[in-house]
Protein backbone atom coordinates (compact mmCIF):
# COMPACT_ATOMS: atom_id res chain seq x y z
CA MET A 1 0.00 0.00 0.00
CA VAL A 2 1.24 3.50 -0.81
CA THR A 3 1.16 5.68 2.29
CA VAL A 4 0.00 9.27 2.38
CA LEU A 5 3.63 10.36 2.12
CA ASP A 6 4.60 7.84 -0.57
CA LEU A 7 7.65 7.08 1.55
CA VAL A 8 10.09 4.27 0.96
CA SER A 9 11.67 3.02 4.17
CA THR A 10 14.68 0.79 4.64
CA THR A 11 13.27 -0.33 7.97
CA PRO A 12 12.11 -3.96 7.92
CA ARG A 13 8.35 -4.08 7.51
CA VAL A 14 6.08 -7.04 8.01
CA ARG A 15 2.42 -6.68 7.26
CA HIS A 16 0.73 -9.40 9.28
CA PRO A 17 0.87 -13.12 10.01
CA GLU A 18 -0.94 -15.18 7.42
CA LYS A 19 -2.44 -17.58 9.98
CA ALA A 20 -5.50 -15.32 10.28
CA HIS A 21 -6.63 -16.34 6.81
CA ARG A 22 -6.85 -19.70 5.08
CA PRO A 23 -6.56 -19.78 1.26
CA ASP A 24 -9.65 -22.00 1.07
CA GLN A 25 -11.69 -19.70 3.31
CA GLU A 26 -14.74 -18.17 1.66
CA VAL A 27 -14.52 -14.40 1.11
CA LEU A 28 -17.92 -12.83 1.74
CA ARG A 29 -19.30 -10.48 -0.91
CA LYS A 30 -19.81 -6.93 0.29
CA PRO A 31 -23.48 -5.93 0.49
CA ASP A 32 -24.69 -2.72 -1.14
CA TRP A 33 -24.89 -0.82 2.16
CA ILE A 34 -21.13 -1.06 2.73
CA ARG A 35 -20.02 0.30 -0.64
CA VAL A 36 -18.57 3.83 -0.97
CA LYS A 37 -17.46 6.03 -3.86
CA ALA A 38 -13.78 6.50 -4.70
CA PRO A 39 -12.35 9.84 -3.51
CA VAL A 40 -12.01 12.23 -6.46
CA SER A 41 -13.19 15.66 -5.23
CA LYS A 42 -11.27 18.93 -5.22
CA GLY A 43 -11.51 19.10 -1.43
CA TYR A 44 -9.95 15.65 -1.16
CA ALA A 45 -7.00 16.72 -3.30
CA GLU A 46 -6.51 19.91 -1.26
CA THR A 47 -6.49 18.00 2.03
CA ARG A 48 -4.02 15.50 0.64
CA GLU A 49 -1.71 18.31 -0.44
CA ILE A 50 -1.81 19.94 3.02
CA VAL A 51 -0.95 16.63 4.67
CA ARG A 52 1.89 15.97 2.22
CA SER A 53 3.32 19.48 2.52
CA HIS A 54 3.70 19.07 6.28
CA LYS A 55 5.12 15.53 5.91
CA LEU A 56 2.39 14.02 8.06
CA VAL A 57 0.80 10.59 8.20
CA THR A 58 -2.95 10.04 8.50
CA VAL A 59 -4.73 6.95 9.69
CA CYS A 60 -7.27 7.67 6.96
CA GLU A 61 -4.91 6.22 4.34
CA GLU A 62 -2.76 3.97 6.53
CA ALA A 63 -5.79 2.03 7.77
CA GLY A 64 -7.64 2.18 4.45
CA CYS A 65 -10.68 3.95 5.93
CA PRO A 66 -13.76 3.73 3.67
CA ASN A 67 -14.84 7.26 4.66
CA ILE A 68 -11.70 9.02 3.40
CA GLY A 69 -13.43 10.58 0.40
CA GLU A 70 -16.21 12.11 2.50
CA CYS A 71 -13.93 13.33 5.30
CA TRP A 72 -11.10 14.72 3.20
CA GLU A 73 -13.55 16.56 0.95
CA LYS A 74 -14.57 18.48 4.11
CA LYS A 75 -10.91 18.92 5.12
CA HIS A 76 -11.28 16.52 8.02
CA ALA A 77 -8.34 14.20 8.68
CA THR A 78 -7.12 12.04 11.54
CA PHE A 79 -3.40 12.53 12.07
CA MET A 80 -1.33 9.48 12.99
CA ILE A 81 1.73 10.47 14.97
CA MET A 82 4.98 8.66 15.87
CA GLY A 83 5.53 7.17 12.43
CA GLU A 84 3.82 4.73 10.13
CA ILE A 85 5.27 1.51 11.54
CA CYS A 86 3.59 -0.25 14.47
CA THR A 87 5.28 -2.53 17.00
CA ARG A 88 2.24 -4.82 17.10
CA ALA A 89 0.58 -7.03 14.49
CA CYS A 90 -3.16 -7.02 15.10
CA ALA A 91 -4.94 -9.32 12.66
CA PHE A 92 -7.48 -6.67 11.59
CA CYS A 93 -5.17 -3.70 11.00
CA ASN A 94 -3.64 -2.52 7.73
CA VAL A 95 -0.85 -0.46 9.33
CA ALA A 96 2.62 -1.92 8.75
CA THR A 97 4.39 -3.84 11.51
CA GLY A 98 8.12 -3.67 12.09
CA ARG A 99 10.88 -1.70 13.79
CA PRO A 100 9.84 1.97 14.05
CA LEU A 101 12.08 4.94 13.33
CA PRO A 102 13.01 7.43 16.09
CA LEU A 103 10.41 10.06 16.97
CA ASP A 104 10.42 13.27 14.94
CA PRO A 105 10.89 16.15 17.41
CA ASN A 106 9.35 18.55 14.88
CA GLU A 107 6.15 16.55 14.48
CA PRO A 108 4.10 18.34 17.19
CA GLU A 109 4.72 21.71 15.52
CA SER A 110 4.02 20.26 12.05
CA VAL A 111 0.69 18.82 13.19
CA ALA A 112 -0.26 22.12 14.81
CA LYS A 113 0.55 24.05 11.62
CA ALA A 114 -1.57 21.66 9.54
CA VAL A 115 -4.49 21.96 11.97
CA LYS A 116 -4.30 25.76 11.69
CA GLN A 117 -3.98 25.73 7.89
CA MET A 118 -6.97 23.41 7.54
CA GLY A 119 -9.03 25.56 9.91
CA LEU A 120 -10.02 22.60 12.05
CA THR A 121 -12.36 23.31 14.94
CA HIS A 122 -12.02 19.71 16.14
CA VAL A 123 -9.05 17.43 15.46
CA VAL A 124 -8.40 13.74 16.08
CA ILE A 125 -4.88 12.54 16.86
CA THR A 126 -4.01 8.85 16.91
CA SER A 127 -0.80 6.84 16.72
CA VAL A 128 0.79 3.53 16.04
CA ASP A 129 1.71 1.37 19.05
CA ARG A 130 5.20 2.26 20.23
CA ASP A 131 6.06 -0.50 22.69
CA ASP A 132 9.73 0.28 21.99
CA LEU A 133 9.49 3.60 23.90
CA ASP A 134 9.79 3.79 27.68
CA ASP A 135 6.53 5.74 27.96
CA GLY A 136 4.84 4.24 24.89
CA GLY A 137 4.86 7.69 23.30
CA ALA A 138 2.84 9.39 26.05
CA GLN A 139 5.00 12.51 26.19
CA HIS A 140 4.85 12.84 22.41
CA PHE A 141 1.03 12.77 22.60
CA ALA A 142 1.20 15.49 25.26
CA ASP A 143 3.59 17.57 23.14
CA VAL A 144 1.23 17.39 20.14
CA ILE A 145 -1.74 18.43 22.28
CA LEU A 146 0.18 21.39 23.73
CA ALA A 147 1.40 22.48 20.29
CA ILE A 148 -2.14 22.51 18.90
CA ARG A 149 -3.37 24.46 21.93
CA ALA A 150 -0.67 27.07 21.31
CA ALA A 151 -1.41 27.39 17.57
CA THR A 152 -5.22 27.23 17.66
CA PRO A 153 -6.53 27.59 21.23
CA ALA A 154 -10.18 27.22 20.19
CA THR A 155 -9.66 23.82 18.51
CA THR A 156 -11.00 20.93 20.53
CA ILE A 157 -8.73 17.88 20.62
CA GLU A 158 -9.64 14.21 20.55
CA ILE A 159 -6.98 11.56 20.96
CA LEU A 160 -7.16 7.87 20.10
CA THR A 161 -4.37 6.21 22.04
CA PRO A 162 -2.68 2.82 22.36
CA ASP A 163 -3.13 0.94 25.63
CA PHE A 164 0.29 1.95 27.09
CA LEU A 165 0.59 -1.63 28.35
CA ARG A 166 3.28 -1.98 31.02
CA LYS A 167 4.22 1.71 30.74
CA GLU A 168 4.00 3.02 34.31
CA GLY A 169 2.91 6.66 34.52
CA ALA A 170 2.26 7.03 30.79
CA LEU A 171 -1.47 7.58 31.04
CA GLU A 172 -1.01 10.30 33.64
CA ILE A 173 1.25 12.24 31.25
CA VAL A 174 -1.40 12.22 28.51
CA VAL A 175 -4.31 13.09 30.79
CA ALA A 176 -2.35 16.00 32.30
CA ALA A 177 -2.26 17.58 28.81
CA LYS A 178 -6.07 17.74 29.01
CA PRO A 179 -7.42 16.47 25.69
CA ASP A 180 -11.15 17.11 25.30
CA VAL A 181 -11.87 13.48 24.36
CA PHE A 182 -9.82 10.44 25.33
CA ASN A 183 -10.56 7.52 23.02
CA HIS A 184 -9.13 4.03 23.37
CA ASN A 185 -10.72 1.29 21.30
CA LEU A 186 -11.46 -2.18 22.62
CA GLU A 187 -11.77 -3.24 18.94
CA THR A 188 -13.57 -6.54 19.65
CA VAL A 189 -15.06 -8.77 22.35
CA PRO A 190 -12.67 -10.52 24.79
CA SER A 191 -13.12 -13.99 23.27
CA ASN A 192 -11.50 -12.70 20.05
CA TYR A 193 -8.43 -11.11 21.62
CA LEU A 194 -6.00 -13.99 21.11
CA THR A 195 -6.63 -14.04 17.36
CA VAL A 196 -7.61 -10.42 16.63
CA ARG A 197 -5.67 -8.30 19.14
CA PRO A 198 -3.02 -10.66 20.57
CA GLY A 199 -0.69 -7.97 21.97
CA ALA A 200 -3.41 -6.38 24.10
CA ARG A 201 -5.34 -7.29 27.26
CA TYR A 202 -9.09 -6.63 27.35
CA PHE A 203 -9.44 -5.75 31.02
CA HIS A 204 -6.32 -3.59 30.93
CA SER A 205 -8.04 -1.49 28.25
CA ILE A 206 -11.20 -1.27 30.36
CA ARG A 207 -9.14 -0.17 33.35
CA LEU A 208 -7.28 2.41 31.24
CA LEU A 209 -10.56 4.10 30.31
CA GLN A 210 -11.77 3.96 33.90
CA ARG A 211 -8.52 5.52 35.13
CA VAL A 212 -8.92 8.49 32.75
CA LYS A 213 -12.18 9.38 34.49
CA GLU A 214 -10.57 8.98 37.90
CA LEU A 215 -7.75 11.33 36.94
CA ASP A 216 -9.93 13.97 35.23
CA PRO A 217 -13.74 13.53 35.22
CA SER A 218 -14.12 16.49 32.84
CA ILE A 219 -12.55 14.58 29.93
CA PHE A 220 -15.01 12.71 27.72
CA THR A 221 -14.09 9.05 27.29
CA LYS A 222 -14.82 7.01 24.22
CA SER A 223 -14.26 3.50 22.88
CA GLY A 224 -15.15 1.57 19.76
CA ILE A 225 -15.46 -1.94 18.40
CA MET A 226 -15.79 -3.64 15.05
CA VAL A 227 -18.44 -6.28 14.44
CA GLY A 228 -18.37 -9.09 11.91
CA LEU A 229 -15.34 -10.77 13.48
CA GLY A 230 -17.25 -13.75 14.80
CA GLU A 231 -18.62 -12.20 17.98
CA GLU A 232 -22.01 -13.11 19.45
CA ARG A 233 -24.64 -10.48 20.22
CA ASN A 234 -24.62 -11.26 23.94
CA GLU A 235 -20.84 -10.64 23.96
CA VAL A 236 -21.35 -7.17 22.51
CA LEU A 237 -23.98 -6.39 25.13
CA GLN A 238 -21.65 -7.55 27.91
CA LEU A 239 -18.88 -5.37 26.46
CA MET A 240 -21.26 -2.41 26.65
CA ASP A 241 -21.80 -3.15 30.33
CA ASP A 242 -18.04 -3.33 30.87
CA LEU A 243 -17.58 0.09 29.25
CA ARG A 244 -20.37 1.60 31.32
CA SER A 245 -18.80 0.16 34.49
CA ALA A 246 -15.75 2.25 33.53
CA ASP A 247 -18.01 5.31 33.07
CA VAL A 248 -17.28 5.57 29.33
CA ASP A 249 -19.38 8.30 27.69
CA PHE A 250 -19.39 7.40 24.00
CA MET A 251 -19.27 4.12 22.09
CA THR A 252 -18.80 3.55 18.36
CA ILE A 253 -19.68 0.35 16.50
CA GLY A 254 -18.75 -0.28 12.87
CA GLN A 255 -18.47 -3.11 10.37
CA TYR A 256 -15.08 -4.82 10.13
CA LEU A 257 -13.72 -4.81 6.58
CA GLN A 258 -10.87 -7.16 5.67
CA PRO A 259 -7.92 -5.08 4.30
CA SER A 260 -6.34 -8.07 2.48
CA LYS A 261 -6.49 -11.85 2.30
CA LYS A 262 -3.72 -12.03 4.91
CA HIS A 263 -5.90 -10.32 7.50
CA HIS A 264 -8.63 -11.78 9.68
CA ALA A 265 -11.61 -12.84 7.59
CA VAL A 266 -14.99 -11.12 7.73
CA LYS A 267 -17.29 -13.63 9.42
CA LYS A 268 -20.48 -11.66 8.85
CA PHE A 269 -21.79 -8.43 7.35
CA VAL A 270 -24.02 -7.00 10.05
CA THR A 271 -27.22 -5.42 8.72
CA PRO A 272 -28.15 -1.75 9.26
CA ASP A 273 -31.10 -2.89 11.39
CA GLU A 274 -28.77 -4.80 13.70
CA PHE A 275 -26.55 -1.73 14.03
CA LYS A 276 -29.59 0.37 14.91
CA SER A 277 -30.54 -2.17 17.56
CA TYR A 278 -27.07 -1.91 19.13
CA GLU A 279 -27.44 1.88 19.20
CA THR A 280 -30.80 1.65 20.94
CA VAL A 281 -29.56 -0.83 23.53
CA GLY A 282 -26.41 1.21 24.16
CA MET A 283 -28.38 4.35 24.89
CA THR A 284 -30.56 2.48 27.39
CA LYS A 285 -27.40 1.37 29.18
CA GLY A 286 -26.46 4.98 29.88
CA PHE A 287 -23.98 6.11 27.23
CA LEU A 288 -24.24 9.79 26.41
CA LEU A 289 -23.84 8.90 22.74
CA VAL A 290 -23.69 5.75 20.61
CA ALA A 291 -22.69 5.82 16.93
CA SER A 292 -23.53 2.51 15.30
CA SER A 293 -23.68 1.86 11.55
CA PRO A 294 -21.80 -0.20 8.94
CA LEU A 295 -19.49 2.71 8.04
CA THR A 296 -19.04 4.12 11.55
CA ARG A 297 -15.38 4.61 12.43
CA SER A 298 -13.76 6.11 15.54
CA SER A 299 -13.10 9.51 14.02
CA HIS A 300 -15.95 9.67 11.50
CA HIS A 301 -18.03 12.84 12.16
CA ALA A 302 -15.91 13.37 15.29
CA GLY A 303 -16.51 17.12 15.38
CA ASP A 304 -20.28 16.81 15.11
CA ASP A 305 -20.25 14.01 17.67
CA PHE A 306 -18.26 16.15 20.11
CA ALA A 307 -20.95 18.85 19.94
CA LYS A 308 -23.58 16.17 20.63
CA LEU A 309 -21.53 14.88 23.57
CA ARG A 310 -21.35 18.31 25.18
CA ALA A 311 -25.07 18.86 24.68
CA ALA A 312 -25.88 15.43 26.11
CA ARG A 313 -23.73 16.06 29.19
CA GLU A 314 -25.38 19.44 29.80
CA ASP A 315 -28.81 17.87 29.46
CA HIS A 316 -27.85 15.06 31.85
CA LEU A 317 -26.56 17.55 34.43
CA LYS A 318 -29.75 19.61 34.21
CA LYS A 319 -31.91 16.53 34.73
CA SER A 320 -29.76 15.41 37.65
CA ALA A 321 -30.06 18.86 39.27
CA LYS A 322 -33.86 18.81 38.96
CA ALA A 323 -34.02 15.34 40.51
CA VAL A 324 -32.20 16.48 43.66
């Protein structure tokens, strides 16, 4: 895959283990509701040029997001910091695995300049896993947040972080930088972790999200999963309960799409009605917001969703005050 920077690296790169897919395994045909148009608009080209001119990487291209045409046309992009090479090899992910390059000390300023040039009122910052770093990249996340605050103080900032597994004190560094939204995705139900997300631990991720609220209750917390990986409905409902036990505000649910034959196979294409049902159930469980549809992704419509989150919190506080 050609990255957003069209870079050629001499660093060893390994896509993913082939054990997740068997050559004789049936590949499901995509239904009509999951198809999207190829990105060809003027706005898309302008966004791509801004990203390239600042030598930045976006998860939009690295992860092969199906919404890239829609988002980039509106000059919305999710910046992926700390390089384009991940230290983990999750079976669902299209980001390259290998030995990462050193951090770019100029990246925080470059991201901030791009955010200002694009006129973003809300920005999403994510990263590869950097298990090679002592703090997992926590200070770099904080530096990016602070640089954006300095360049465009009115821009709200959403981060989508790794799990910082076995990185003592890392989470505290990120939370102290005060992002507006802290997102960490569970990705799938716990029974799938050994095959889908082998480098992670389900209950560590739950605890991470819970700890964010303990450190700073004002920060919105968010998590997302993919469906179609072989999970059962009751497992998704239990996962919702686990997130609510950690006081998570916002949950996203989207259809898993297989990036290549070497990745985990799609076990099922979940229907729009099933997604709507998950949304309804999630709201009854107490989330402030649930985004659930085939094309829902963590950062899709993030700015609009942040406005809905703030409105939902204000409404909840008003109702709580009246009940006292």
